[in-house]
């Protein structure tokens, strides 16, 4: 189970990783065009700061993704192997890095892949 988005502890699924990557890329593209449109050194500085923060954020997410496939987090630094592991399915069940993210509890505290009883009416 993921404790925090900003801590490299726990595991995340492929969908979670790639959805966060898409949002990060969208933020970077938006900030890039905003910096080019403003043509101001302050916006360039804000864009540079945004690039640094999104890179750190995505590194943390990549570490969590590596832990989902039962590998140490630094494996994402290996160019081709790390990318292939980002595409690989996660380890089924718990591993040394945490519980299976597919078995997380939903908003109502029920298992996502557990069948719920139908309403009595």
C-alpha atoms as a PDB file:
ATOM      1  CA  UNK A   1       0.000   0.000   0.000  1.00  0.00           C
ATOM      2  CA  UNK A   2       1.275   3.433  -0.871  1.00  0.00           C
ATOM      3  CA  UNK A   3       1.863   5.578   2.212  1.00  0.00           C
ATOM      4  CA  UNK A   4       2.650   8.864   0.486  1.00  0.00           C
ATOM      5  CA  UNK A   5       3.056  10.053  -3.084  1.00  0.00           C
ATOM      6  CA  UNK A   6       6.287  11.831  -2.150  1.00  0.00           C
ATOM      7  CA  UNK A   7       8.026   9.002  -0.277  1.00  0.00           C
ATOM      8  CA  UNK A   8       9.848   6.174  -2.094  1.00  0.00           C
ATOM      9  CA  UNK A   9       8.211   3.531   0.086  1.00  0.00           C
ATOM     10  CA  UNK A  10       5.648   1.035  -1.066  1.00  0.00           C
ATOM     11  CA  UNK A  11       4.502  -0.141  -4.469  1.00  0.00           C
ATOM     12  CA  UNK A  12       2.408   1.316  -7.281  1.00  0.00           C
ATOM     13  CA  UNK A  13       0.743  -0.329 -10.260  1.00  0.00           C
ATOM     14  CA  UNK A  14       1.608   0.320 -13.896  1.00  0.00           C
ATOM     15  CA  UNK A  15      -1.560   2.341 -14.415  1.00  0.00           C
ATOM     16  CA  UNK A  16      -0.740   4.583 -11.463  1.00  0.00           C
ATOM     17  CA  UNK A  17       2.817   5.132 -12.682  1.00  0.00           C
ATOM     18  CA  UNK A  18       1.870   5.959 -16.268  1.00  0.00           C
ATOM     19  CA  UNK A  19      -1.070   8.189 -15.259  1.00  0.00           C
ATOM     20  CA  UNK A  20       1.259  10.191 -13.006  1.00  0.00           C
ATOM     21  CA  UNK A  21       3.804  10.355 -15.830  1.00  0.00           C
ATOM     22  CA  UNK A  22       1.180  11.727 -18.239  1.00  0.00           C
ATOM     23  CA  UNK A  23       0.060  14.369 -15.734  1.00  0.00           C
ATOM     24  CA  UNK A  24       3.701  15.367 -15.103  1.00  0.00           C
ATOM     25  CA  UNK A  25       4.382  15.670 -18.830  1.00  0.00           C
ATOM     26  CA  UNK A  26       1.219  17.756 -19.281  1.00  0.00           C
ATOM     27  CA  UNK A  27       2.343  20.105 -16.498  1.00  0.00           C
ATOM     28  CA  UNK A  28       5.775  20.445 -18.103  1.00  0.00           C
ATOM     29  CA  UNK A  29       4.310  21.193 -21.529  1.00  0.00           C
ATOM     30  CA  UNK A  30       1.956  23.788 -20.046  1.00  0.00           C
ATOM     31  CA  UNK A  31       4.772  25.461 -18.110  1.00  0.00           C
ATOM     32  CA  UNK A  32       7.031  25.402 -21.183  1.00  0.00           C
ATOM     33  CA  UNK A  33       4.499  27.270 -23.324  1.00  0.00           C
ATOM     34  CA  UNK A  34       3.722  29.630 -20.467  1.00  0.00           C
ATOM     35  CA  UNK A  35       7.429  30.433 -20.075  1.00  0.00           C
ATOM     36  CA  UNK A  36       7.834  30.983 -23.810  1.00  0.00           C
ATOM     37  CA  UNK A  37       4.746  33.167 -23.972  1.00  0.00           C
ATOM     38  CA  UNK A  38       5.812  35.306 -21.001  1.00  0.00           C
ATOM     39  CA  UNK A  39       9.408  35.707 -22.240  1.00  0.00           C
ATOM     40  CA  UNK A  40      10.428  36.699 -18.747  1.00  0.00           C
ATOM     41  CA  UNK A  41      13.385  35.480 -16.733  1.00  0.00           C
ATOM     42  CA  UNK A  42      11.119  34.813 -13.742  1.00  0.00           C
ATOM     43  CA  UNK A  43       8.956  32.426 -15.789  1.00  0.00           C
ATOM     44  CA  UNK A  44      12.103  30.731 -17.060  1.00  0.00           C
ATOM     45  CA  UNK A  45      13.185  30.279 -13.458  1.00  0.00           C
ATOM     46  CA  UNK A  46       9.736  28.925 -12.522  1.00  0.00           C
ATOM     47  CA  UNK A  47       9.882  26.522 -15.474  1.00  0.00           C
ATOM     48  CA  UNK A  48      13.345  25.312 -14.430  1.00  0.00           C
ATOM     49  CA  UNK A  49      12.103  24.792 -10.874  1.00  0.00           C
ATOM     50  CA  UNK A  50       9.086  22.882 -12.208  1.00  0.00           C
ATOM     51  CA  UNK A  51      11.339  20.622 -14.297  1.00  0.00           C
ATOM     52  CA  UNK A  52      13.473  19.813 -11.264  1.00  0.00           C
ATOM     53  CA  UNK A  53      10.454  19.060  -9.067  1.00  0.00           C
ATOM     54  CA  UNK A  54       8.703  16.873 -11.650  1.00  0.00           C
ATOM     55  CA  UNK A  55      11.922  14.940 -12.265  1.00  0.00           C
ATOM     56  CA  UNK A  56      12.301  14.250  -8.554  1.00  0.00           C
ATOM     57  CA  UNK A  57       8.627  13.273  -8.358  1.00  0.00           C
ATOM     58  CA  UNK A  58       8.923  10.863 -11.301  1.00  0.00           C
ATOM     59  CA  UNK A  59      12.129   9.340  -9.893  1.00  0.00           C
ATOM     60  CA  UNK A  60      10.230   8.563  -6.696  1.00  0.00           C
ATOM     61  CA  UNK A  61       7.407   7.009  -8.726  1.00  0.00           C
ATOM     62  CA  UNK A  62       9.911   4.932 -10.738  1.00  0.00           C
ATOM     63  CA  UNK A  63      11.437   3.625  -7.494  1.00  0.00           C
ATOM     64  CA  UNK A  64       7.970   2.546  -6.337  1.00  0.00           C
ATOM     65  CA  UNK A  65       7.334   0.887  -9.688  1.00  0.00           C
ATOM     66  CA  UNK A  66      10.621  -1.030  -9.459  1.00  0.00           C
ATOM     67  CA  UNK A  67       9.637  -2.193  -5.985  1.00  0.00           C
ATOM     68  CA  UNK A  68       6.358  -3.486  -7.415  1.00  0.00           C
ATOM     69  CA  UNK A  69       8.304  -5.833  -9.702  1.00  0.00           C
ATOM     70  CA  UNK A  70      10.421  -6.902  -6.690  1.00  0.00           C
ATOM     71  CA  UNK A  71      13.599  -5.092  -7.761  1.00  0.00           C
ATOM     72  CA  UNK A  72      15.635  -2.440  -5.929  1.00  0.00           C
ATOM     73  CA  UNK A  73      14.625   1.106  -6.795  1.00  0.00           C
ATOM     74  CA  UNK A  74      17.876   2.052  -8.511  1.00  0.00           C
ATOM     75  CA  UNK A  75      17.160  -0.412 -11.346  1.00  0.00           C
ATOM     76  CA  UNK A  76      15.224   2.323 -13.166  1.00  0.00           C
ATOM     77  CA  UNK A  77      18.599   4.001 -13.818  1.00  0.00           C
ATOM     78  CA  UNK A  78      19.624   1.152 -16.151  1.00  0.00           C
ATOM     79  CA  UNK A  79      18.381   2.528 -19.504  1.00  0.00           C
ATOM     80  CA  UNK A  80      16.698  -0.321 -21.389  1.00  0.00           C
ATOM     81  CA  UNK A  81      16.264  -2.771 -18.511  1.00  0.00           C
ATOM     82  CA  UNK A  82      14.677  -0.118 -16.298  1.00  0.00           C
ATOM     83  CA  UNK A  83      12.213   0.874 -19.027  1.00  0.00           C
ATOM     84  CA  UNK A  84      11.250  -2.764 -19.602  1.00  0.00           C
ATOM     85  CA  UNK A  85      10.645  -3.197 -15.886  1.00  0.00           C
ATOM     86  CA  UNK A  86       8.348  -0.159 -15.928  1.00  0.00           C
ATOM     87  CA  UNK A  87       6.223  -2.066 -18.453  1.00  0.00           C
ATOM     88  CA  UNK A  88       6.356  -5.416 -16.623  1.00  0.00           C
ATOM     89  CA  UNK A  89       3.463  -6.635 -14.488  1.00  0.00           C
ATOM     90  CA  UNK A  90       3.964  -6.377 -10.749  1.00  0.00           C
ATOM     91  CA  UNK A  91       4.628  -9.182  -8.315  1.00  0.00           C
ATOM     92  CA  UNK A  92       1.412 -10.897  -7.257  1.00  0.00           C
ATOM     93  CA  UNK A  93       0.881 -10.758  -3.513  1.00  0.00           C
ATOM     94  CA  UNK A  94       3.106  -9.106  -0.938  1.00  0.00           C
ATOM     95  CA  UNK A  95       6.843  -8.748  -1.474  1.00  0.00           C
ATOM     96  CA  UNK A  96       9.596  -7.242   0.742  1.00  0.00           C
ATOM     97  CA  UNK A  97       8.608  -3.737  -0.398  1.00  0.00           C
ATOM     98  CA  UNK A  98       4.953  -3.916   0.633  1.00  0.00           C
ATOM     99  CA  UNK A  99       1.552  -5.361  -0.091  1.00  0.00           C
ATOM    100  CA  UNK A 100       0.155  -5.882  -3.569  1.00  0.00           C
ATOM    101  CA  UNK A 101      -1.295  -2.546  -4.781  1.00  0.00           C
ATOM    102  CA  UNK A 102      -4.064  -4.379  -6.638  1.00  0.00           C
ATOM    103  CA  UNK A 103      -5.432  -5.488  -3.260  1.00  0.00           C
ATOM    104  CA  UNK A 104      -5.630  -1.985  -1.776  1.00  0.00           C
ATOM    105  CA  UNK A 105      -8.774  -1.060   0.018  1.00  0.00           C
ATOM    106  CA  UNK A 106     -11.124   1.196  -1.869  1.00  0.00           C
ATOM    107  CA  UNK A 107     -12.643   4.417  -0.599  1.00  0.00           C
ATOM    108  CA  UNK A 108     -15.264   2.573   1.450  1.00  0.00           C
ATOM    109  CA  UNK A 109     -12.748   0.216   3.058  1.00  0.00           C
ATOM    110  CA  UNK A 110     -13.660  -2.828   0.960  1.00  0.00           C
ATOM    111  CA  UNK A 111     -11.288  -4.842  -1.173  1.00  0.00           C
ATOM    112  CA  UNK A 112     -11.424  -3.691  -4.788  1.00  0.00           C
ATOM    113  CA  UNK A 113     -11.448  -7.173  -6.244  1.00  0.00           C
ATOM    114  CA  UNK A 114     -13.696  -8.620  -3.536  1.00  0.00           C
ATOM    115  CA  UNK A 115     -17.325  -9.214  -4.460  1.00  0.00           C
ATOM    116  CA  UNK A 116     -19.734  -7.133  -2.437  1.00  0.00           C
ATOM    117  CA  UNK A 117     -23.100  -8.361  -1.313  1.00  0.00           C
ATOM    118  CA  UNK A 118     -25.974  -7.003  -3.409  1.00  0.00           C
ATOM    119  CA  UNK A 119     -28.383  -4.617  -1.704  1.00  0.00           C
ATOM    120  CA  UNK A 120     -31.333  -6.331  -0.031  1.00  0.00           C
ATOM    121  CA  UNK A 121     -34.017  -4.630  -2.162  1.00  0.00           C
END
